[in-house]
N, C-alpha and C. Protein backbone atom coordinates (compact mmCIF):
# COMPACT_ATOMS: atom_id res chain seq x y z
N MET A 1 -81.28 16.35 -37.34
CA MET A 1 -80.08 16.05 -36.57
C MET A 1 -79.24 17.32 -36.45
N SER A 2 -78.84 17.63 -35.26
CA SER A 2 -78.08 18.84 -35.00
C SER A 2 -76.59 18.58 -35.17
N THR A 3 -75.91 19.52 -35.80
CA THR A 3 -74.46 19.40 -35.96
C THR A 3 -73.72 20.33 -35.01
N GLU A 4 -74.48 20.96 -34.12
CA GLU A 4 -73.87 21.88 -33.17
C GLU A 4 -72.98 21.11 -32.20
N VAL A 5 -71.77 21.59 -32.04
CA VAL A 5 -70.84 20.97 -31.11
C VAL A 5 -70.81 21.81 -29.84
N ARG A 6 -71.10 21.17 -28.74
CA ARG A 6 -71.10 21.87 -27.45
C ARG A 6 -69.83 21.53 -26.69
N PRO A 7 -69.23 22.53 -26.06
CA PRO A 7 -68.04 22.22 -25.26
C PRO A 7 -68.44 21.37 -24.06
N PRO A 8 -67.55 20.49 -23.63
CA PRO A 8 -67.88 19.66 -22.46
C PRO A 8 -67.99 20.53 -21.21
N LYS A 9 -68.88 20.12 -20.31
CA LYS A 9 -69.00 20.84 -19.04
C LYS A 9 -67.74 20.57 -18.22
N ARG A 10 -67.31 21.60 -17.52
CA ARG A 10 -66.14 21.45 -16.66
C ARG A 10 -66.48 20.50 -15.52
N LEU A 11 -65.59 19.60 -15.25
CA LEU A 11 -65.82 18.66 -14.17
C LEU A 11 -65.73 19.34 -12.82
N ASN A 12 -64.87 20.34 -12.70
CA ASN A 12 -64.71 21.05 -11.44
C ASN A 12 -64.61 22.55 -11.73
N PRO A 13 -65.75 23.24 -11.82
CA PRO A 13 -65.71 24.67 -12.13
C PRO A 13 -65.04 25.49 -11.04
N LEU A 14 -64.88 24.93 -9.84
CA LEU A 14 -64.22 25.67 -8.76
C LEU A 14 -62.75 25.96 -9.09
N ARG A 15 -62.19 25.20 -10.02
CA ARG A 15 -60.80 25.44 -10.43
C ARG A 15 -60.62 26.79 -11.11
N ASP A 16 -61.71 27.36 -11.61
CA ASP A 16 -61.64 28.66 -12.27
C ASP A 16 -61.53 29.82 -11.28
N LEU A 17 -61.75 29.53 -10.00
CA LEU A 17 -61.73 30.58 -8.99
C LEU A 17 -60.32 30.84 -8.48
N LYS A 18 -60.07 32.12 -8.19
CA LYS A 18 -58.82 32.49 -7.53
C LYS A 18 -58.91 32.01 -6.08
N PRO A 19 -57.77 31.83 -5.41
CA PRO A 19 -57.81 31.35 -4.02
C PRO A 19 -58.71 32.18 -3.10
N ARG A 20 -58.67 33.50 -3.22
CA ARG A 20 -59.50 34.35 -2.36
C ARG A 20 -60.98 34.17 -2.70
N GLU A 21 -61.30 34.04 -3.99
CA GLU A 21 -62.69 33.82 -4.40
C GLU A 21 -63.20 32.49 -3.84
N LEU A 22 -62.37 31.48 -3.87
CA LEU A 22 -62.75 30.18 -3.34
C LEU A 22 -63.00 30.27 -1.83
N GLU A 23 -62.14 31.01 -1.14
CA GLU A 23 -62.31 31.20 0.30
C GLU A 23 -63.64 31.89 0.60
N ILE A 24 -63.95 32.92 -0.17
CA ILE A 24 -65.22 33.65 0.00
C ILE A 24 -66.39 32.73 -0.31
N ALA A 25 -66.29 31.98 -1.40
CA ALA A 25 -67.37 31.07 -1.78
C ALA A 25 -67.63 30.05 -0.68
N ARG A 26 -66.59 29.52 -0.10
CA ARG A 26 -66.76 28.52 0.97
C ARG A 26 -67.40 29.14 2.20
N LEU A 27 -66.99 30.35 2.57
CA LEU A 27 -67.59 31.01 3.74
C LEU A 27 -69.06 31.32 3.50
N VAL A 28 -69.38 31.82 2.32
CA VAL A 28 -70.78 32.09 1.98
C VAL A 28 -71.55 30.78 1.93
N GLY A 29 -70.91 29.74 1.40
CA GLY A 29 -71.54 28.42 1.35
C GLY A 29 -71.84 27.85 2.73
N GLU A 30 -71.09 28.29 3.73
CA GLU A 30 -71.34 27.87 5.11
C GLU A 30 -72.46 28.69 5.75
N GLY A 31 -72.95 29.69 5.01
CA GLY A 31 -74.07 30.48 5.52
C GLY A 31 -73.70 31.84 6.09
N HIS A 32 -72.44 32.24 5.97
CA HIS A 32 -72.02 33.54 6.48
C HIS A 32 -72.52 34.67 5.58
N SER A 33 -72.89 35.78 6.18
CA SER A 33 -73.32 36.95 5.41
C SER A 33 -72.09 37.63 4.81
N ARG A 34 -72.34 38.54 3.85
CA ARG A 34 -71.22 39.30 3.27
C ARG A 34 -70.49 40.08 4.36
N ALA A 35 -71.26 40.67 5.28
CA ALA A 35 -70.65 41.46 6.36
C ALA A 35 -69.77 40.58 7.25
N ALA A 36 -70.24 39.38 7.56
CA ALA A 36 -69.46 38.46 8.40
C ALA A 36 -68.19 38.01 7.68
N VAL A 37 -68.31 37.75 6.38
CA VAL A 37 -67.14 37.36 5.59
C VAL A 37 -66.14 38.51 5.55
N ALA A 38 -66.64 39.73 5.36
CA ALA A 38 -65.77 40.91 5.31
C ALA A 38 -65.00 41.07 6.62
N ARG A 39 -65.70 40.93 7.74
CA ARG A 39 -65.03 41.04 9.04
C ARG A 39 -63.97 39.95 9.20
N ARG A 40 -64.34 38.74 8.85
CA ARG A 40 -63.43 37.60 9.03
C ARG A 40 -62.17 37.74 8.18
N LEU A 41 -62.32 38.31 6.97
CA LEU A 41 -61.19 38.42 6.05
C LEU A 41 -60.55 39.80 6.05
N SER A 42 -61.01 40.68 6.93
CA SER A 42 -60.50 42.06 7.03
C SER A 42 -60.59 42.79 5.69
N GLU A 43 -61.75 42.68 5.06
CA GLU A 43 -62.03 43.35 3.79
C GLU A 43 -63.28 44.20 3.97
N SER A 44 -63.54 45.07 3.00
CA SER A 44 -64.78 45.84 3.04
C SER A 44 -65.92 44.97 2.51
N VAL A 45 -67.12 45.32 2.90
CA VAL A 45 -68.30 44.59 2.41
C VAL A 45 -68.39 44.75 0.89
N LEU A 46 -68.05 45.93 0.38
CA LEU A 46 -68.10 46.15 -1.07
C LEU A 46 -67.12 45.23 -1.80
N THR A 47 -65.94 45.04 -1.24
CA THR A 47 -64.96 44.13 -1.85
C THR A 47 -65.51 42.71 -1.88
N ILE A 48 -66.10 42.28 -0.80
CA ILE A 48 -66.68 40.92 -0.74
C ILE A 48 -67.81 40.80 -1.76
N LYS A 49 -68.65 41.83 -1.84
CA LYS A 49 -69.77 41.81 -2.80
C LYS A 49 -69.23 41.68 -4.23
N THR A 50 -68.20 42.45 -4.55
CA THR A 50 -67.61 42.41 -5.89
C THR A 50 -67.02 41.03 -6.19
N GLN A 51 -66.27 40.49 -5.23
CA GLN A 51 -65.66 39.17 -5.45
C GLN A 51 -66.72 38.07 -5.51
N LEU A 52 -67.77 38.21 -4.73
CA LEU A 52 -68.84 37.21 -4.76
C LEU A 52 -69.57 37.25 -6.10
N ASN A 53 -69.76 38.44 -6.65
CA ASN A 53 -70.37 38.55 -7.99
C ASN A 53 -69.49 37.87 -9.03
N SER A 54 -68.18 37.99 -8.89
CA SER A 54 -67.26 37.32 -9.79
C SER A 54 -67.38 35.80 -9.66
N VAL A 55 -67.51 35.33 -8.44
CA VAL A 55 -67.70 33.89 -8.18
C VAL A 55 -68.97 33.40 -8.87
N PHE A 56 -70.07 34.13 -8.68
CA PHE A 56 -71.35 33.75 -9.30
C PHE A 56 -71.20 33.66 -10.81
N ARG A 57 -70.54 34.66 -11.41
CA ARG A 57 -70.38 34.70 -12.86
C ARG A 57 -69.54 33.52 -13.34
N LYS A 58 -68.42 33.27 -12.68
CA LYS A 58 -67.52 32.19 -13.09
C LYS A 58 -68.17 30.81 -12.95
N LEU A 59 -69.01 30.66 -11.93
CA LEU A 59 -69.64 29.36 -11.69
C LEU A 59 -70.99 29.22 -12.39
N GLY A 60 -71.49 30.33 -12.93
CA GLY A 60 -72.78 30.28 -13.63
C GLY A 60 -73.96 30.10 -12.70
N VAL A 61 -73.85 30.65 -11.49
CA VAL A 61 -74.96 30.59 -10.54
C VAL A 61 -75.50 32.00 -10.31
N GLU A 62 -76.75 32.06 -9.86
CA GLU A 62 -77.39 33.36 -9.69
C GLU A 62 -77.83 33.62 -8.26
N SER A 63 -77.56 32.69 -7.36
CA SER A 63 -78.03 32.88 -5.99
C SER A 63 -77.11 32.16 -5.01
N ARG A 64 -77.21 32.57 -3.76
CA ARG A 64 -76.46 31.90 -2.70
C ARG A 64 -76.89 30.44 -2.58
N ALA A 65 -78.18 30.20 -2.73
CA ALA A 65 -78.69 28.83 -2.61
C ALA A 65 -78.05 27.91 -3.66
N LYS A 66 -77.93 28.41 -4.89
CA LYS A 66 -77.31 27.60 -5.95
C LYS A 66 -75.82 27.42 -5.69
N LEU A 67 -75.19 28.45 -5.14
CA LEU A 67 -73.78 28.33 -4.78
C LEU A 67 -73.61 27.28 -3.70
N MET A 68 -74.45 27.32 -2.69
CA MET A 68 -74.37 26.35 -1.60
C MET A 68 -74.57 24.93 -2.12
N ALA A 69 -75.52 24.76 -3.04
CA ALA A 69 -75.77 23.43 -3.61
C ALA A 69 -74.56 22.94 -4.40
N MET A 70 -73.91 23.84 -5.11
CA MET A 70 -72.74 23.46 -5.90
C MET A 70 -71.57 23.05 -5.01
N LEU A 71 -71.46 23.68 -3.86
CA LEU A 71 -70.33 23.40 -2.96
C LEU A 71 -70.50 22.12 -2.16
N ARG A 72 -71.70 21.55 -2.16
CA ARG A 72 -71.94 20.31 -1.40
C ARG A 72 -71.30 19.13 -2.05
């Protein structure tokens, strides 16, 4: 019998995202490329890439497909 206590899974991990990260996640979730998101938000592609990596880390996903599935 294991005595390890695991923290409960967050019911809504999207709450951990900053408003801009959530906006980027939603646009990527709609299928937009990093370049398209950058143009739409008047940011550099590098900025979008950095923020998207932060989104992946905070949500515990490793791909756009997993992000899209989480946002459904």
